Amino acid sequence: FVTDQTGELWVVTDDGLQDEPFLDVSDRLVEL
């Protein structure tokens, strides 16, 4: 599991980065 500064929590498997994030909190972030 990898966090992205822009608000997405990504899942990484043997196939690479999954298309959809495990969790997205970008709508709760301060505006970067």
All heavy atoms as atom14 arrays in JSON, in Angstrom:
{
  "sequence": "FVTDQTGELWVVTDDGLQDEPFLDVSDRLVEL",
  "atom14_mask": [
    [1, 1, 1, 1, 1, 1, 1, 1, 1, 1, 1, 0, 0, 0],
    [1, 1, 1, 1, 1, 1, 1, 0, 0, 0, 0, 0, 0, 0],
    [1, 1, 1, 1, 1, 1, 1, 0, 0, 0, 0, 0, 0, 0],
    [1, 1, 1, 1, 1, 1, 1, 1, 0, 0, 0, 0, 0, 0],
    [1, 1, 1, 1, 1, 1, 1, 1, 1, 0, 0, 0, 0, 0],
    [1, 1, 1, 1, 1, 1, 1, 0, 0, 0, 0, 0, 0, 0],
    [1, 1, 1, 1, 0, 0, 0, 0, 0, 0, 0, 0, 0, 0],
    [1, 1, 1, 1, 1, 1, 1, 1, 1, 0, 0, 0, 0, 0],
    [1, 1, 1, 1, 1, 1, 1, 1, 0, 0, 0, 0, 0, 0],
    [1, 1, 1, 1, 1, 1, 1, 1, 1, 1, 1, 1, 1, 1],
    [1, 1, 1, 1, 1, 1, 1, 0, 0, 0, 0, 0, 0, 0],
    [1, 1, 1, 1, 1, 1, 1, 0, 0, 0, 0, 0, 0, 0],
    [1, 1, 1, 1, 1, 1, 1, 0, 0, 0, 0, 0, 0, 0],
    [1, 1, 1, 1, 1, 1, 1, 1, 0, 0, 0, 0, 0, 0],
    [1, 1, 1, 1, 1, 1, 1, 1, 0, 0, 0, 0, 0, 0],
    [1, 1, 1, 1, 0, 0, 0, 0, 0, 0, 0, 0, 0, 0],
    [1, 1, 1, 1, 1, 1, 1, 1, 0, 0, 0, 0, 0, 0],
    [1, 1, 1, 1, 1, 1, 1, 1, 1, 0, 0, 0, 0, 0],
    [1, 1, 1, 1, 1, 1, 1, 1, 0, 0, 0, 0, 0, 0],
    [1, 1, 1, 1, 1, 1, 1, 1, 1, 0, 0, 0, 0, 0],
    [1, 1, 1, 1, 1, 1, 1, 0, 0, 0, 0, 0, 0, 0],
    [1, 1, 1, 1, 1, 1, 1, 1, 1, 1, 1, 0, 0, 0],
    [1, 1, 1, 1, 1, 1, 1, 1, 0, 0, 0, 0, 0, 0],
    [1, 1, 1, 1, 1, 1, 1, 1, 0, 0, 0, 0, 0, 0],
    [1, 1, 1, 1, 1, 1, 1, 0, 0, 0, 0, 0, 0, 0],
    [1, 1, 1, 1, 1, 1, 0, 0, 0, 0, 0, 0, 0, 0],
    [1, 1, 1, 1, 1, 1, 1, 1, 0, 0, 0, 0, 0, 0],
    [1, 1, 1, 1, 1, 1, 1, 1, 1, 1, 1, 0, 0, 0],
    [1, 1, 1, 1, 1, 1, 1, 1, 0, 0, 0, 0, 0, 0],
    [1, 1, 1, 1, 1, 1, 1, 0, 0, 0, 0, 0, 0, 0],
    [1, 1, 1, 1, 1, 1, 1, 1, 1, 0, 0, 0, 0, 0],
    [1, 1, 1, 1, 1, 1, 1, 1, 0, 0, 0, 0, 0, 0]
  ],
  "atom14_positions": [
    [[0.85, -1.18, 0.0], [0.0, 0.0, 0.0], [0.89, 1.24, 0.0], [1.81, 1.36, 0.82], [-0.91, 0.0, 1.22], [-1.86, -1.16, 1.26], [-1.46, -2.39, 1.77], [-3.16, -1.02, 0.79], [-2.34, -3.46, 1.82], [-4.04, -2.09, 0.82], [-3.62, -3.32, 1.33], [0.0, 0.0, 0.0], [0.0, 0.0, 0.0], [0.0, 0.0, 0.0]],
    [[0.62, 2.17, -0.93], [1.47, 3.34, -1.11], [0.6, 4.59, -1.11], [-0.38, 4.68, -1.87], [2.27, 3.27, -2.43], [3.12, 4.52, -2.6], [3.14, 2.02, -2.46], [0.0, 0.0, 0.0], [0.0, 0.0, 0.0], [0.0, 0.0, 0.0], [0.0, 0.0, 0.0], [0.0, 0.0, 0.0], [0.0, 0.0, 0.0], [0.0, 0.0, 0.0]],
    [[0.93, 5.55, -0.25], [0.21, 6.82, -0.23], [0.8, 7.78, -1.26], [2.01, 7.84, -1.46], [0.28, 7.48, 1.16], [1.65, 7.54, 1.59], [-0.52, 6.69, 2.17], [0.0, 0.0, 0.0], [0.0, 0.0, 0.0], [0.0, 0.0, 0.0], [0.0, 0.0, 0.0], [0.0, 0.0, 0.0], [0.0, 0.0, 0.0], [0.0, 0.0, 0.0]],
    [[-0.08, 8.53, -1.9], [0.32, 9.58, -2.84], [-0.02, 10.92, -2.2], [-1.08, 11.08, -1.58], [-0.45, 9.42, -4.16], [0.36, 9.89, -5.36], [1.31, 10.66, -5.16], [0.03, 9.48, -6.49], [0.0, 0.0, 0.0], [0.0, 0.0, 0.0], [0.0, 0.0, 0.0], [0.0, 0.0, 0.0], [0.0, 0.0, 0.0], [0.0, 0.0, 0.0]],
    [[0.85, 11.87, -2.35], [0.66, 13.17, -1.7], [-0.67, 13.81, -2.07], [-1.25, 14.56, -1.28], [1.81, 14.11, -2.07], [1.82, 15.43, -1.31], [2.99, 16.31, -1.66], [3.9, 15.89, -2.38], [3.0, 17.54, -1.17], [0.0, 0.0, 0.0], [0.0, 0.0, 0.0], [0.0, 0.0, 0.0], [0.0, 0.0, 0.0], [0.0, 0.0, 0.0]],
    [[-1.16, 13.52, -3.24], [-2.4, 14.12, -3.73], [-3.65, 13.5, -3.14], [-4.76, 13.94, -3.46], [-2.44, 14.03, -5.26], [-2.11, 12.69, -5.67], [-1.45, 15.0, -5.88], [0.0, 0.0, 0.0], [0.0, 0.0, 0.0], [0.0, 0.0, 0.0], [0.0, 0.0, 0.0], [0.0, 0.0, 0.0], [0.0, 0.0, 0.0], [0.0, 0.0, 0.0]],
    [[-3.52, 12.45, -2.3], [-4.68, 11.97, -1.56], [-5.09, 10.54, -1.79], [-6.04, 10.07, -1.15], [0.0, 0.0, 0.0], [0.0, 0.0, 0.0], [0.0, 0.0, 0.0], [0.0, 0.0, 0.0], [0.0, 0.0, 0.0], [0.0, 0.0, 0.0], [0.0, 0.0, 0.0], [0.0, 0.0, 0.0], [0.0, 0.0, 0.0], [0.0, 0.0, 0.0]],
    [[-4.4, 9.81, -2.68], [-4.8, 8.45, -3.0], [-3.93, 7.43, -2.25], [-2.72, 7.6, -2.14], [-4.68, 8.18, -4.5], [-5.54, 9.09, -5.37], [-4.92, 10.45, -5.63], [-3.7, 10.6, -5.35], [-5.64, 11.36, -6.06], [0.0, 0.0, 0.0], [0.0, 0.0, 0.0], [0.0, 0.0, 0.0], [0.0, 0.0, 0.0], [0.0, 0.0, 0.0]],
    [[-4.56, 6.37, -1.76], [-3.85, 5.23, -1.19], [-3.92, 4.1, -2.21], [-4.98, 3.51, -2.44], [-4.49, 4.81, 0.13], [-3.96, 3.52, 0.77], [-2.46, 3.61, 1.03], [-4.7, 3.22, 2.07], [0.0, 0.0, 0.0], [0.0, 0.0, 0.0], [0.0, 0.0, 0.0], [0.0, 0.0, 0.0], [0.0, 0.0, 0.0], [0.0, 0.0, 0.0]],
    [[-2.79, 3.84, -2.86], [-2.75, 2.89, -3.96], [-2.37, 1.49, -3.47], [-1.67, 1.32, -2.47], [-1.72, 3.32, -5.01], [-2.02, 4.63, -5.66], [-1.41, 5.83, -5.43], [-3.01, 4.88, -6.66], [-1.95, 6.81, -6.22], [-2.94, 6.26, -6.99], [-3.95, 4.08, -7.31], [-3.77, 6.85, -7.93], [-4.78, 4.67, -8.25], [-4.69, 6.03, -8.56]],
    [[-2.83, 0.5, -4.23], [-2.46, -0.89, -3.99], [-1.5, -1.32, -5.09], [-1.75, -1.11, -6.28], [-3.69, -1.82, -3.98], [-3.26, -3.28, -3.83], [-4.64, -1.43, -2.86], [0.0, 0.0, 0.0], [0.0, 0.0, 0.0], [0.0, 0.0, 0.0], [0.0, 0.0, 0.0], [0.0, 0.0, 0.0], [0.0, 0.0, 0.0], [0.0, 0.0, 0.0]],
    [[-0.39, -1.94, -4.68], [0.61, -2.44, -5.61], [0.66, -3.96, -5.47], [0.84, -4.49, -4.37], [2.0, -1.84, -5.33], [3.04, -2.42, -6.29], [1.95, -0.31, -5.46], [0.0, 0.0, 0.0], [0.0, 0.0, 0.0], [0.0, 0.0, 0.0], [0.0, 0.0, 0.0], [0.0, 0.0, 0.0], [0.0, 0.0, 0.0], [0.0, 0.0, 0.0]],
    [[0.5, -4.65, -6.59], [0.59, -6.11, -6.61], [1.71, -6.52, -7.57], [2.44, -5.67, -8.09], [-0.74, -6.73, -7.06], [-0.98, -6.41, -8.44], [-1.9, -6.21, -6.22], [0.0, 0.0, 0.0], [0.0, 0.0, 0.0], [0.0, 0.0, 0.0], [0.0, 0.0, 0.0], [0.0, 0.0, 0.0], [0.0, 0.0, 0.0], [0.0, 0.0, 0.0]],
    [[1.81, -7.81, -7.83], [2.81, -8.29, -8.78], [2.58, -7.73, -10.17], [3.5, -7.73, -11.01], [2.8, -9.82, -8.82], [3.29, -10.43, -7.53], [3.98, -9.73, -6.77], [2.96, -11.61, -7.26], [0.0, 0.0, 0.0], [0.0, 0.0, 0.0], [0.0, 0.0, 0.0], [0.0, 0.0, 0.0], [0.0, 0.0, 0.0], [0.0, 0.0, 0.0]],
    [[1.37, -7.26, -10.44], [1.03, -6.69, -11.74], [1.22, -5.18, -11.78], [0.89, -4.53, -12.78], [-0.42, -7.04, -12.11], [-0.63, -8.53, -12.27], [0.3, -9.21, -12.76], [-1.7, -9.02, -11.89], [0.0, 0.0, 0.0], [0.0, 0.0, 0.0], [0.0, 0.0, 0.0], [0.0, 0.0, 0.0], [0.0, 0.0, 0.0], [0.0, 0.0, 0.0]],
    [[1.71, -4.6, -10.7], [1.92, -3.16, -10.66], [0.83, -2.44, -9.91], [0.15, -2.99, -9.04], [0.0, 0.0, 0.0], [0.0, 0.0, 0.0], [0.0, 0.0, 0.0], [0.0, 0.0, 0.0], [0.0, 0.0, 0.0], [0.0, 0.0, 0.0], [0.0, 0.0, 0.0], [0.0, 0.0, 0.0], [0.0, 0.0, 0.0], [0.0, 0.0, 0.0]],
    [[0.63, -1.18, -10.28], [-0.33, -0.31, -9.6], [-1.75, -0.64, -10.05], [-2.03, -0.69, -11.25], [-0.01, 1.14, -9.93], [-0.59, 2.23, -9.01], [0.1, 2.2, -7.66], [-0.41, 3.61, -9.67], [0.0, 0.0, 0.0], [0.0, 0.0, 0.0], [0.0, 0.0, 0.0], [0.0, 0.0, 0.0], [0.0, 0.0, 0.0], [0.0, 0.0, 0.0]],
    [[-2.65, -0.88, -9.09], [-4.04, -1.12, -9.45], [-4.68, 0.15, -9.98], [-4.27, 1.26, -9.66], [-4.82, -1.65, -8.25], [-4.46, -3.07, -7.86], [-5.4, -3.64, -6.81], [-6.19, -2.92, -6.21], [-5.31, -4.94, -6.59], [0.0, 0.0, 0.0], [0.0, 0.0, 0.0], [0.0, 0.0, 0.0], [0.0, 0.0, 0.0], [0.0, 0.0, 0.0]],
    [[-5.71, -0.01, -10.8], [-6.34, 1.13, -11.47], [-7.04, 2.07, -10.5], [-7.04, 3.29, -10.68], [-7.33, 0.65, -12.53], [-6.65, -0.04, -13.69], [-5.45, 0.22, -13.9], [-7.3, -0.85, -14.37], [0.0, 0.0, 0.0], [0.0, 0.0, 0.0], [0.0, 0.0, 0.0], [0.0, 0.0, 0.0], [0.0, 0.0, 0.0], [0.0, 0.0, 0.0]],
    [[-7.68, 1.51, -9.48], [-8.45, 2.32, -8.54], [-7.78, 2.31, -7.18], [-7.27, 1.28, -6.73], [-9.88, 1.78, -8.41], [-10.68, 1.84, -9.7], [-10.88, 3.27, -10.18], [-11.0, 4.17, -9.32], [-10.92, 3.48, -11.4], [0.0, 0.0, 0.0], [0.0, 0.0, 0.0], [0.0, 0.0, 0.0], [0.0, 0.0, 0.0], [0.0, 0.0, 0.0]],
    [[-7.78, 3.44, -6.49], [-7.14, 3.47, -5.18], [-7.92, 2.68, -4.13], [-9.14, 2.53, -4.23], [-7.11, 4.96, -4.84], [-8.22, 5.56, -5.63], [-8.3, 4.76, -6.9], [0.0, 0.0, 0.0], [0.0, 0.0, 0.0], [0.0, 0.0, 0.0], [0.0, 0.0, 0.0], [0.0, 0.0, 0.0], [0.0, 0.0, 0.0], [0.0, 0.0, 0.0]],
    [[-7.2, 2.19, -3.14], [-7.82, 1.49, -2.01], [-8.66, 2.47, -1.19], [-9.71, 2.13, -0.65], [-6.71, 0.89, -1.15], [-7.17, 0.04, -0.02], [-7.6, -1.27, -0.23], [-7.17, 0.53, 1.28], [-8.02, -2.06, 0.83], [-7.58, -0.25, 2.35], [-8.01, -1.56, 2.12], [0.0, 0.0, 0.0], [0.0, 0.0, 0.0], [0.0, 0.0, 0.0]],
    [[-8.18, 3.71, -1.1], [-8.88, 4.79, -0.4], [-8.48, 6.1, -1.04], [-7.34, 6.26, -1.46], [-8.5, 4.81, 1.09], [-9.16, 5.88, 1.96], [-10.63, 5.54, 2.2], [-8.42, 6.03, 3.31], [0.0, 0.0, 0.0], [0.0, 0.0, 0.0], [0.0, 0.0, 0.0], [0.0, 0.0, 0.0], [0.0, 0.0, 0.0], [0.0, 0.0, 0.0]],
    [[-9.43, 7.03, -1.12], [-9.16, 8.35, -1.69], [-9.65, 9.4, -0.7], [-10.84, 9.5, -0.43], [-9.88, 8.51, -3.03], [-9.47, 9.78, -3.77], [-8.89, 10.68, -3.14], [-9.73, 9.87, -4.99], [0.0, 0.0, 0.0], [0.0, 0.0, 0.0], [0.0, 0.0, 0.0], [0.0, 0.0, 0.0], [0.0, 0.0, 0.0], [0.0, 0.0, 0.0]],
    [[-8.71, 10.17, -0.14], [-9.08, 11.23, 0.81], [-8.77, 12.61, 0.23], [-8.66, 13.59, 0.97], [-8.36, 11.06, 2.16], [-8.79, 9.76, 2.84], [-6.84, 11.12, 2.0], [0.0, 0.0, 0.0], [0.0, 0.0, 0.0], [0.0, 0.0, 0.0], [0.0, 0.0, 0.0], [0.0, 0.0, 0.0], [0.0, 0.0, 0.0], [0.0, 0.0, 0.0]],
    [[-8.65, 12.69, -1.08], [-8.28, 13.96, -1.71], [-9.31, 15.05, -1.41], [-8.95, 16.24, -1.34], [-8.11, 13.78, -3.22], [-9.28, 13.25, -3.81], [0.0, 0.0, 0.0], [0.0, 0.0, 0.0], [0.0, 0.0, 0.0], [0.0, 0.0, 0.0], [0.0, 0.0, 0.0], [0.0, 0.0, 0.0], [0.0, 0.0, 0.0], [0.0, 0.0, 0.0]],
    [[-10.57, 14.66, -1.2], [-11.61, 15.65, -0.9], [-11.52, 16.14, 0.54], [-12.21, 17.09, 0.91], [-12.99, 15.08, -1.18], [-13.31, 13.84, -0.36], [-12.36, 13.23, 0.19], [-14.49, 13.47, -0.28], [0.0, 0.0, 0.0], [0.0, 0.0, 0.0], [0.0, 0.0, 0.0], [0.0, 0.0, 0.0], [0.0, 0.0, 0.0], [0.0, 0.0, 0.0]],
    [[-10.67, 15.53, 1.36], [-10.52, 15.95, 2.75], [-9.22, 16.72, 2.97], [-8.97, 17.2, 4.08], [-10.55, 14.73, 3.68], [-11.81, 13.92, 3.46], [-11.83, 12.62, 4.23], [-12.8, 11.72, 3.59], [-13.45, 10.75, 4.19], [-13.24, 10.51, 5.48], [-14.31, 10.01, 3.53], [0.0, 0.0, 0.0], [0.0, 0.0, 0.0], [0.0, 0.0, 0.0]],
    [[-8.4, 16.82, 1.94], [-7.12, 17.51, 2.07], [-7.28, 19.01, 1.98], [-8.2, 19.52, 1.32], [-6.16, 17.07, 0.95], [-5.71, 15.62, 0.89], [-4.68, 15.46, -0.22], [-5.13, 15.17, 2.22], [0.0, 0.0, 0.0], [0.0, 0.0, 0.0], [0.0, 0.0, 0.0], [0.0, 0.0, 0.0], [0.0, 0.0, 0.0], [0.0, 0.0, 0.0]],
    [[-6.37, 19.72, 2.61], [-6.2, 21.13, 2.32], [-5.84, 21.26, 0.85], [-5.23, 20.37, 0.26], [-5.1, 21.71, 3.23], [-3.75, 21.09, 2.91], [-5.03, 23.23, 3.11], [0.0, 0.0, 0.0], [0.0, 0.0, 0.0], [0.0, 0.0, 0.0], [0.0, 0.0, 0.0], [0.0, 0.0, 0.0], [0.0, 0.0, 0.0], [0.0, 0.0, 0.0]],
    [[-6.23, 22.35, 0.21], [-5.91, 22.52, -1.21], [-4.41, 22.76, -1.35], [-3.88, 23.76, -0.86], [-6.69, 23.7, -1.79], [-6.47, 23.89, -3.28], [-7.27, 25.04, -3.86], [-8.08, 25.61, -3.12], [-7.08, 25.36, -5.06], [0.0, 0.0, 0.0], [0.0, 0.0, 0.0], [0.0, 0.0, 0.0], [0.0, 0.0, 0.0], [0.0, 0.0, 0.0]],
    [[-3.74, 21.83, -2.02], [-2.3, 21.94, -2.17], [-1.96, 23.14, -3.06], [-2.61, 23.39, -4.07], [-1.72, 20.66, -2.78], [-1.97, 19.38, -1.98], [-1.26, 18.2, -2.64], [-1.51, 19.53, -0.54], [0.0, 0.0, 0.0], [0.0, 0.0, 0.0], [0.0, 0.0, 0.0], [0.0, 0.0, 0.0], [0.0, 0.0, 0.0], [0.0, 0.0, 0.0]]
  ]
}
